[in-house]
């Protein structure tokens, strides 16, 4: 009988291992304040970018009409190579002067490890900004107000 309990314990540990290895994440409110510009709403992609500048993950897409995704040229290259279901992380595009508040889920292990949050923007018939705004994924970066260079005026995070 003693061996039976040992086998059950080993099996229980083996079965629970895959569930315990899932990454710990934290949720952050992300407020995007747009610049005052004339024209259509901006499509914005928030991506996790590694220390070499390579896209690792799409965190959020503001703009739900997939026909415009190709205008976000650099992100679209990544997305088209590894298409994923992003319907759970999409929302409305954001117009000039408006603000949007969304919640981003970020892996805790990525913070303070050389990653960056890239905000890429595109507006119909206007200039495309591959790096409208980049925020170092650090404790300090997530607590600061960061100014944009294009359609985004600034971004501010707060713990959710």
N, C-alpha and C. Protein backbone atom coordinates (compact mmCIF):
# COMPACT_ATOMS: atom_id res chain seq x y z
N UNK A 1 0.81 -1.19 0.00
CA UNK A 1 0.00 0.00 0.00
C UNK A 1 0.86 1.26 0.00
N UNK A 2 1.99 1.20 0.64
CA UNK A 2 2.89 2.35 0.71
C UNK A 2 3.35 2.78 -0.68
N UNK A 3 3.67 1.82 -1.54
CA UNK A 3 4.07 2.13 -2.91
C UNK A 3 2.94 2.79 -3.70
N UNK A 4 1.72 2.37 -3.42
CA UNK A 4 0.56 2.95 -4.09
C UNK A 4 0.50 4.46 -3.84
N UNK A 5 0.70 4.88 -2.60
CA UNK A 5 0.66 6.31 -2.25
C UNK A 5 1.80 7.07 -2.90
N UNK A 6 2.97 6.43 -2.97
CA UNK A 6 4.12 7.06 -3.63
C UNK A 6 3.83 7.28 -5.11
N UNK A 7 3.25 6.28 -5.75
CA UNK A 7 2.92 6.40 -7.18
C UNK A 7 1.89 7.49 -7.39
N UNK A 8 0.88 7.55 -6.52
CA UNK A 8 -0.15 8.60 -6.62
C UNK A 8 0.46 9.99 -6.44
N UNK A 9 1.38 10.12 -5.51
CA UNK A 9 2.03 11.40 -5.27
C UNK A 9 2.85 11.83 -6.49
N UNK A 10 3.61 10.92 -7.06
CA UNK A 10 4.40 11.21 -8.25
C UNK A 10 3.50 11.60 -9.42
N UNK A 11 2.42 10.86 -9.63
CA UNK A 11 1.48 11.19 -10.70
C UNK A 11 0.85 12.57 -10.48
N UNK A 12 0.49 12.88 -9.26
CA UNK A 12 -0.11 14.18 -8.95
C UNK A 12 0.87 15.31 -9.25
N UNK A 13 2.13 15.11 -8.91
CA UNK A 13 3.15 16.12 -9.19
C UNK A 13 3.37 16.29 -10.69
N UNK A 14 3.41 15.19 -11.42
CA UNK A 14 3.60 15.25 -12.87
C UNK A 14 2.43 15.93 -13.57
N UNK A 15 1.23 15.67 -13.11
CA UNK A 15 0.04 16.27 -13.72
C UNK A 15 -0.03 17.76 -13.40
N UNK A 16 0.32 18.16 -12.20
CA UNK A 16 0.21 19.57 -11.81
C UNK A 16 1.36 20.42 -12.36
N UNK A 17 2.46 19.82 -12.77
CA UNK A 17 3.63 20.56 -13.27
C UNK A 17 3.29 21.52 -14.41
N UNK A 18 2.57 21.10 -15.46
CA UNK A 18 2.27 22.03 -16.55
C UNK A 18 1.46 23.25 -16.09
N UNK A 19 0.60 23.05 -15.10
CA UNK A 19 -0.23 24.15 -14.64
C UNK A 19 0.57 25.14 -13.80
N UNK A 20 1.55 24.65 -13.07
CA UNK A 20 2.32 25.54 -12.20
C UNK A 20 3.37 26.33 -12.98
N UNK A 21 3.67 25.94 -14.21
CA UNK A 21 4.72 26.62 -14.96
C UNK A 21 4.19 27.81 -15.77
N UNK A 22 2.89 28.09 -15.68
CA UNK A 22 2.36 29.22 -16.43
C UNK A 22 2.91 30.53 -15.87
N UNK A 23 3.13 31.47 -16.76
CA UNK A 23 3.78 32.73 -16.39
C UNK A 23 2.88 33.59 -15.52
N UNK A 24 3.48 34.20 -14.52
CA UNK A 24 2.78 35.15 -13.67
C UNK A 24 2.63 36.45 -14.45
N UNK A 25 1.45 37.03 -14.43
CA UNK A 25 1.22 38.29 -15.12
C UNK A 25 0.60 39.30 -14.16
N UNK A 26 0.74 40.57 -14.52
CA UNK A 26 0.08 41.65 -13.81
C UNK A 26 -0.68 42.48 -14.83
N UNK A 27 -1.76 43.08 -14.37
CA UNK A 27 -2.57 43.93 -15.24
C UNK A 27 -2.28 45.39 -14.93
N UNK A 28 -2.18 46.18 -16.01
CA UNK A 28 -1.90 47.60 -15.90
C UNK A 28 -2.93 48.38 -16.72
N UNK A 29 -3.48 49.43 -16.12
CA UNK A 29 -4.32 50.34 -16.89
C UNK A 29 -3.39 51.18 -17.75
N UNK A 30 -3.75 51.31 -19.01
CA UNK A 30 -2.94 52.07 -19.96
C UNK A 30 -3.81 53.18 -20.53
N UNK A 31 -3.47 54.42 -20.22
CA UNK A 31 -4.21 55.56 -20.72
C UNK A 31 -3.42 56.20 -21.85
N UNK A 32 -4.05 56.26 -23.03
CA UNK A 32 -3.42 56.87 -24.21
C UNK A 32 -4.16 58.17 -24.50
N UNK A 33 -3.45 59.28 -24.44
CA UNK A 33 -4.00 60.59 -24.79
C UNK A 33 -3.48 60.94 -26.18
N UNK A 34 -4.39 61.16 -27.10
CA UNK A 34 -4.02 61.46 -28.48
C UNK A 34 -3.74 62.96 -28.66
N UNK A 35 -2.88 63.27 -29.63
CA UNK A 35 -2.64 64.65 -30.03
C UNK A 35 -3.87 65.15 -30.78
N UNK A 36 -3.98 66.45 -30.90
CA UNK A 36 -5.05 67.02 -31.72
C UNK A 36 -4.59 66.99 -33.16
N UNK A 37 -5.22 66.15 -33.95
CA UNK A 37 -4.92 66.09 -35.37
C UNK A 37 -6.24 65.93 -36.12
N UNK A 38 -6.26 66.32 -37.35
CA UNK A 38 -7.46 66.19 -38.18
C UNK A 38 -7.36 64.87 -38.96
N UNK A 39 -8.47 64.20 -39.12
CA UNK A 39 -8.47 62.97 -39.90
C UNK A 39 -9.16 61.84 -39.18
N UNK A 40 -9.04 60.67 -39.78
CA UNK A 40 -9.67 59.46 -39.25
C UNK A 40 -9.03 59.05 -37.92
N UNK A 41 -9.68 58.10 -37.25
CA UNK A 41 -9.15 57.55 -36.02
C UNK A 41 -7.86 56.78 -36.27
N UNK A 42 -6.96 56.84 -35.31
CA UNK A 42 -5.68 56.15 -35.44
C UNK A 42 -5.83 54.69 -35.05
N UNK A 43 -5.15 53.84 -35.81
CA UNK A 43 -4.99 52.45 -35.43
C UNK A 43 -3.68 52.40 -34.65
N UNK A 44 -3.75 51.78 -33.48
CA UNK A 44 -2.59 51.72 -32.59
C UNK A 44 -2.36 50.27 -32.19
N UNK A 45 -1.12 49.82 -32.31
CA UNK A 45 -0.75 48.48 -31.84
C UNK A 45 0.26 48.65 -30.72
N UNK A 46 0.00 47.96 -29.61
CA UNK A 46 0.94 47.93 -28.49
C UNK A 46 1.60 46.56 -28.51
N UNK A 47 2.91 46.55 -28.69
CA UNK A 47 3.65 45.30 -28.81
C UNK A 47 4.74 45.20 -27.76
N UNK A 48 5.04 43.97 -27.38
CA UNK A 48 6.19 43.68 -26.55
C UNK A 48 7.35 43.39 -27.50
N UNK A 49 8.44 44.16 -27.34
CA UNK A 49 9.60 44.06 -28.22
C UNK A 49 10.80 43.68 -27.36
N UNK A 50 11.61 42.73 -27.85
CA UNK A 50 12.76 42.29 -27.07
C UNK A 50 13.92 43.28 -27.18
N UNK A 51 15.02 42.97 -26.51
CA UNK A 51 16.17 43.88 -26.45
C UNK A 51 16.84 44.10 -27.80
N UNK A 52 16.58 43.22 -28.77
CA UNK A 52 17.15 43.37 -30.12
C UNK A 52 16.19 44.07 -31.07
N UNK A 53 15.02 44.48 -30.56
CA UNK A 53 14.05 45.18 -31.40
C UNK A 53 13.08 44.26 -32.14
N UNK A 54 13.08 42.97 -31.82
CA UNK A 54 12.19 42.02 -32.49
C UNK A 54 10.85 41.93 -31.74
N UNK A 55 9.79 41.88 -32.51
CA UNK A 55 8.46 41.73 -31.93
C UNK A 55 8.35 40.36 -31.26
N UNK A 56 7.81 40.36 -30.04
CA UNK A 56 7.61 39.11 -29.34
C UNK A 56 6.13 38.79 -29.16
N UNK A 57 5.33 39.83 -28.89
CA UNK A 57 3.92 39.58 -28.60
C UNK A 57 3.10 40.85 -28.85
N UNK A 58 1.88 40.67 -29.34
CA UNK A 58 0.94 41.77 -29.48
C UNK A 58 0.14 41.85 -28.18
N UNK A 59 0.19 43.01 -27.52
CA UNK A 59 -0.53 43.18 -26.26
C UNK A 59 -1.92 43.78 -26.46
N UNK A 60 -2.05 44.68 -27.44
CA UNK A 60 -3.35 45.32 -27.67
C UNK A 60 -3.38 45.95 -29.05
N UNK A 61 -4.56 45.95 -29.67
CA UNK A 61 -4.76 46.60 -30.96
C UNK A 61 -5.97 47.52 -30.83
N UNK A 62 -5.75 48.81 -31.10
CA UNK A 62 -6.85 49.77 -31.11
C UNK A 62 -7.24 49.98 -32.56
N UNK A 63 -8.35 49.38 -32.94
CA UNK A 63 -8.84 49.39 -34.31
C UNK A 63 -9.17 47.96 -34.70
N UNK A 64 -10.43 47.71 -35.00
CA UNK A 64 -10.86 46.32 -35.18
C UNK A 64 -11.03 45.89 -36.63
N UNK A 65 -10.95 46.81 -37.59
CA UNK A 65 -11.14 46.44 -38.99
C UNK A 65 -9.82 45.92 -39.56
N UNK A 66 -9.74 44.61 -39.77
CA UNK A 66 -8.50 43.96 -40.18
C UNK A 66 -7.94 44.46 -41.51
N UNK A 67 -8.77 45.06 -42.35
CA UNK A 67 -8.27 45.53 -43.65
C UNK A 67 -7.23 46.65 -43.48
N UNK A 68 -7.21 47.32 -42.35
CA UNK A 68 -6.25 48.41 -42.12
C UNK A 68 -4.98 47.95 -41.42
N UNK A 69 -4.92 46.69 -40.97
CA UNK A 69 -3.74 46.20 -40.26
C UNK A 69 -2.48 46.28 -41.10
N UNK A 70 -2.59 46.11 -42.40
CA UNK A 70 -1.40 46.16 -43.26
C UNK A 70 -0.75 47.55 -43.25
N UNK A 71 -1.48 48.58 -42.85
CA UNK A 71 -0.91 49.93 -42.76
C UNK A 71 0.02 50.08 -41.55
N UNK A 72 -0.07 49.17 -40.61
CA UNK A 72 0.87 49.11 -39.49
C UNK A 72 1.99 48.18 -39.93
N UNK A 73 2.80 48.65 -40.83
CA UNK A 73 3.70 47.84 -41.66
C UNK A 73 4.62 46.91 -40.89
N UNK A 74 5.36 47.41 -39.93
CA UNK A 74 6.33 46.57 -39.22
C UNK A 74 5.63 45.52 -38.37
N UNK A 75 4.61 45.93 -37.64
CA UNK A 75 3.86 44.97 -36.84
C UNK A 75 3.19 43.93 -37.73
N UNK A 76 2.64 44.37 -38.86
CA UNK A 76 1.93 43.45 -39.75
C UNK A 76 2.86 42.37 -40.29
N UNK A 77 4.14 42.69 -40.52
CA UNK A 77 5.10 41.66 -40.95
C UNK A 77 5.17 40.54 -39.90
N UNK A 78 5.28 40.95 -38.63
CA UNK A 78 5.32 39.99 -37.53
C UNK A 78 4.00 39.22 -37.44
N UNK A 79 2.90 39.94 -37.46
CA UNK A 79 1.57 39.34 -37.30
C UNK A 79 1.26 38.36 -38.43
N UNK A 80 1.61 38.69 -39.65
CA UNK A 80 1.29 37.81 -40.78
C UNK A 80 2.15 36.54 -40.78
N UNK A 81 3.34 36.59 -40.17
CA UNK A 81 4.17 35.38 -40.06
C UNK A 81 3.65 34.44 -38.98
N UNK A 82 3.14 35.02 -37.90
CA UNK A 82 2.62 34.24 -36.77
C UNK A 82 1.22 34.73 -36.41
N UNK A 83 0.24 34.50 -37.30
CA UNK A 83 -1.11 35.00 -37.00
C UNK A 83 -1.67 34.34 -35.73
N UNK A 84 -2.20 35.17 -34.88
CA UNK A 84 -2.83 34.69 -33.66
C UNK A 84 -4.21 35.32 -33.57
N UNK A 85 -5.05 34.74 -32.76
CA UNK A 85 -6.38 35.30 -32.56
C UNK A 85 -6.25 36.51 -31.62
N UNK A 86 -6.41 37.69 -32.17
CA UNK A 86 -6.25 38.90 -31.36
C UNK A 86 -7.60 39.54 -31.02
N UNK A 87 -8.69 38.84 -31.29
CA UNK A 87 -10.01 39.42 -31.05
C UNK A 87 -10.23 39.79 -29.59
N UNK A 88 -9.61 39.08 -28.67
CA UNK A 88 -9.78 39.38 -27.24
C UNK A 88 -8.99 40.61 -26.81
N UNK A 89 -8.08 41.09 -27.67
CA UNK A 89 -7.25 42.25 -27.30
C UNK A 89 -7.39 43.38 -28.31
N UNK A 90 -8.59 43.54 -28.86
CA UNK A 90 -8.83 44.64 -29.80
C UNK A 90 -9.91 45.56 -29.27
N UNK A 91 -9.83 46.81 -29.68
CA UNK A 91 -10.83 47.80 -29.31
C UNK A 91 -10.95 48.82 -30.43
N UNK A 92 -11.68 49.85 -30.17
CA UNK A 92 -11.93 50.88 -31.17
C UNK A 92 -10.69 51.71 -31.45
N UNK A 93 -10.61 52.24 -32.68
CA UNK A 93 -9.54 53.18 -33.00
C UNK A 93 -9.78 54.46 -32.19
N UNK A 94 -8.78 55.33 -32.13
CA UNK A 94 -8.86 56.52 -31.29
C UNK A 94 -8.63 57.76 -32.16
N UNK A 95 -9.53 58.72 -32.08
CA UNK A 95 -9.44 59.93 -32.91
C UNK A 95 -8.60 61.02 -32.24
N UNK A 96 -8.25 62.01 -33.04
CA UNK A 96 -7.45 63.13 -32.56
C UNK A 96 -8.08 63.82 -31.37
N UNK A 97 -7.29 64.04 -30.32
CA UNK A 97 -7.75 64.71 -29.11
C UNK A 97 -8.43 63.80 -28.11
N UNK A 98 -8.80 62.59 -28.53
CA UNK A 98 -9.49 61.66 -27.63
C UNK A 98 -8.49 60.93 -26.74
N UNK A 99 -9.06 60.21 -25.80
CA UNK A 99 -8.22 59.37 -24.93
C UNK A 99 -8.87 58.01 -24.82
N UNK A 100 -8.03 57.03 -24.59
CA UNK A 100 -8.48 55.65 -24.46
C UNK A 100 -7.83 55.04 -23.24
N UNK A 101 -8.62 54.29 -22.48
CA UNK A 101 -8.09 53.57 -21.33
C UNK A 101 -8.36 52.08 -21.57
N UNK A 102 -7.30 51.31 -21.54
CA UNK A 102 -7.39 49.86 -21.73
C UNK A 102 -6.59 49.18 -20.62
N UNK A 103 -6.72 47.89 -20.53
CA UNK A 103 -5.95 47.12 -19.56
C UNK A 103 -5.04 46.17 -20.33
N UNK A 104 -3.75 46.25 -20.02
CA UNK A 104 -2.75 45.36 -20.64
C UNK A 104 -2.30 44.35 -19.60
N UNK A 105 -2.14 43.11 -20.04
CA UNK A 105 -1.63 42.06 -19.18
C UNK A 105 -0.19 41.79 -19.59
N UNK A 106 0.73 41.96 -18.64
CA UNK A 106 2.15 41.86 -18.92
C UNK A 106 2.78 40.81 -18.01
N UNK A 107 3.61 39.96 -18.61
CA UNK A 107 4.32 38.94 -17.82
C UNK A 107 5.30 39.62 -16.87
N UNK A 108 5.22 39.28 -15.61
CA UNK A 108 6.12 39.86 -14.60
C UNK A 108 7.58 39.59 -14.91
N UNK A 109 7.88 38.43 -15.48
CA UNK A 109 9.27 38.05 -15.78
C UNK A 109 9.90 38.93 -16.86
N UNK A 110 9.10 39.66 -17.62
CA UNK A 110 9.62 40.52 -18.69
C UNK A 110 10.03 41.90 -18.19
N UNK A 111 9.56 42.27 -17.02
CA UNK A 111 9.84 43.60 -16.47
C UNK A 111 11.28 43.67 -15.97
N UNK A 112 11.96 44.75 -16.32
CA UNK A 112 13.36 44.99 -15.96
C UNK A 112 14.31 43.97 -16.59
N UNK A 113 13.95 43.45 -17.77
CA UNK A 113 14.77 42.46 -18.46
C UNK A 113 15.14 42.89 -19.88
N UNK A 114 15.06 44.20 -20.19
CA UNK A 114 15.49 44.69 -21.49
C UNK A 114 14.38 44.79 -22.54
N UNK A 115 13.16 44.53 -22.16
CA UNK A 115 12.04 44.62 -23.10
C UNK A 115 11.52 46.05 -23.21
N UNK A 116 10.77 46.29 -24.28
CA UNK A 116 10.18 47.61 -24.56
C UNK A 116 8.74 47.41 -24.96
N UNK A 117 7.90 48.39 -24.61
CA UNK A 117 6.54 48.45 -25.12
C UNK A 117 6.54 49.44 -26.27
N UNK A 118 6.18 48.97 -27.47
CA UNK A 118 6.17 49.82 -28.66
C UNK A 118 4.73 50.15 -29.04
N UNK A 119 4.46 51.44 -29.22
CA UNK A 119 3.17 51.93 -29.67
C UNK A 119 3.35 52.38 -31.11
N UNK A 120 2.76 51.65 -32.02
CA UNK A 120 2.88 51.89 -33.46
C UNK A 120 1.55 52.46 -33.93
N UNK A 121 1.58 53.56 -34.72
CA UNK A 121 0.33 54.20 -35.12
C UNK A 121 0.23 54.40 -36.62
N UNK A 122 -1.01 54.38 -37.09
CA UNK A 122 -1.30 54.63 -38.49
C UNK A 122 -2.67 55.30 -38.60
N UNK A 123 -2.74 56.31 -39.44
CA UNK A 123 -3.99 57.01 -39.73
C UNK A 123 -4.15 57.01 -41.24
N UNK A 124 -5.37 56.73 -41.70
CA UNK A 124 -5.66 56.67 -43.13
C UNK A 124 -5.20 57.94 -43.84
N UNK A 125 -4.45 57.78 -44.93
CA UNK A 125 -3.94 58.87 -45.77
C UNK A 125 -3.01 59.83 -45.03
N UNK A 126 -2.37 59.36 -43.97
CA UNK A 126 -1.42 60.19 -43.22
C UNK A 126 -0.15 59.39 -42.95
N UNK A 127 0.78 60.01 -42.27
CA UNK A 127 2.09 59.41 -41.97
C UNK A 127 1.93 58.23 -40.99
N UNK A 128 2.70 57.19 -41.26
CA UNK A 128 2.77 56.00 -40.41
C UNK A 128 3.93 56.16 -39.44
N UNK A 129 3.71 55.84 -38.17
CA UNK A 129 4.75 55.96 -37.14
C UNK A 129 5.05 54.60 -36.54
N UNK A 130 6.17 54.01 -36.96
CA UNK A 130 6.54 52.69 -36.44
C UNK A 130 6.89 52.76 -34.96
N UNK A 131 7.44 53.88 -34.51
CA UNK A 131 7.78 54.05 -33.10
C UNK A 131 7.22 55.38 -32.63
N UNK A 132 5.89 55.48 -32.65
CA UNK A 132 5.26 56.71 -32.16
C UNK A 132 5.68 56.93 -30.72
N UNK A 133 5.76 55.83 -29.99
CA UNK A 133 6.15 55.93 -28.59
C UNK A 133 6.72 54.58 -28.17
N UNK A 134 7.84 54.61 -27.46
CA UNK A 134 8.41 53.39 -26.89
C UNK A 134 8.68 53.63 -25.41
N UNK A 135 8.31 52.64 -24.62
CA UNK A 135 8.49 52.72 -23.18
C UNK A 135 9.33 51.54 -22.73
N UNK A 136 10.46 51.79 -22.07
CA UNK A 136 11.22 50.67 -21.52
C UNK A 136 10.33 49.91 -20.53
N UNK A 137 10.29 48.61 -20.65
CA UNK A 137 9.46 47.81 -19.75
C UNK A 137 10.22 47.61 -18.44
N UNK A 138 10.24 48.69 -17.69
CA UNK A 138 10.89 48.71 -16.38
C UNK A 138 9.90 49.23 -15.36
N UNK A 139 10.23 49.06 -14.11
CA UNK A 139 9.40 49.58 -13.04
C UNK A 139 9.23 51.09 -13.21
N UNK A 140 10.33 51.78 -13.55
CA UNK A 140 10.28 53.23 -13.74
C UNK A 140 9.46 53.60 -14.98
N UNK A 141 9.65 52.85 -16.07
CA UNK A 141 8.93 53.12 -17.30
C UNK A 141 7.42 52.99 -17.13
N UNK A 142 7.00 52.01 -16.33
CA UNK A 142 5.57 51.79 -16.11
C UNK A 142 4.96 52.79 -15.14
N UNK A 143 5.79 53.58 -14.47
CA UNK A 143 5.25 54.57 -13.54
C UNK A 143 5.38 55.99 -14.06
N UNK A 144 6.01 56.17 -15.21
CA UNK A 144 6.23 57.52 -15.76
C UNK A 144 5.21 57.86 -16.84
N UNK A 145 5.05 59.13 -17.08
CA UNK A 145 4.27 59.62 -18.22
C UNK A 145 5.25 59.73 -19.38
N UNK A 146 4.93 59.11 -20.53
CA UNK A 146 5.84 59.09 -21.67
C UNK A 146 5.20 59.81 -22.85
N UNK A 147 5.95 60.76 -23.42
CA UNK A 147 5.46 61.57 -24.54
C UNK A 147 5.61 60.81 -25.86
N UNK A 148 4.61 60.95 -26.72
CA UNK A 148 4.66 60.36 -28.05
C UNK A 148 5.31 61.30 -29.05
N UNK A 149 5.59 60.78 -30.25
CA UNK A 149 6.25 61.57 -31.30
C UNK A 149 5.32 61.87 -32.47
N UNK A 150 4.17 61.20 -32.52
CA UNK A 150 3.28 61.35 -33.67
C UNK A 150 1.86 61.66 -33.24
N UNK A 151 0.97 60.70 -33.43
CA UNK A 151 -0.44 60.89 -33.10
C UNK A 151 -0.72 60.77 -31.61
N UNK A 152 0.17 60.10 -30.90
CA UNK A 152 0.00 59.95 -29.45
C UNK A 152 0.66 61.13 -28.75
N UNK A 153 -0.11 61.80 -27.92
CA UNK A 153 0.45 62.91 -27.12
C UNK A 153 1.27 62.33 -25.96
N UNK A 154 0.64 61.41 -25.19
CA UNK A 154 1.37 60.73 -24.11
C UNK A 154 0.63 59.46 -23.69
N UNK A 155 1.36 58.61 -22.96
CA UNK A 155 0.82 57.39 -22.38
C UNK A 155 1.21 57.35 -20.92
N UNK A 156 0.28 56.89 -20.12
CA UNK A 156 0.52 56.75 -18.67
C UNK A 156 -0.06 55.41 -18.21
N UNK A 157 0.70 54.70 -17.38
CA UNK A 157 0.24 53.42 -16.82
C UNK A 157 -0.06 53.56 -15.35
N UNK A 158 -0.94 52.68 -14.85
CA UNK A 158 -1.16 52.55 -13.42
C UNK A 158 -1.54 51.09 -13.15
N UNK A 159 -1.15 50.57 -11.98
CA UNK A 159 -1.51 49.18 -11.67
C UNK A 159 -3.03 49.05 -11.66
N UNK A 160 -3.52 47.91 -12.11
CA UNK A 160 -4.98 47.72 -12.16
C UNK A 160 -5.46 47.08 -10.89
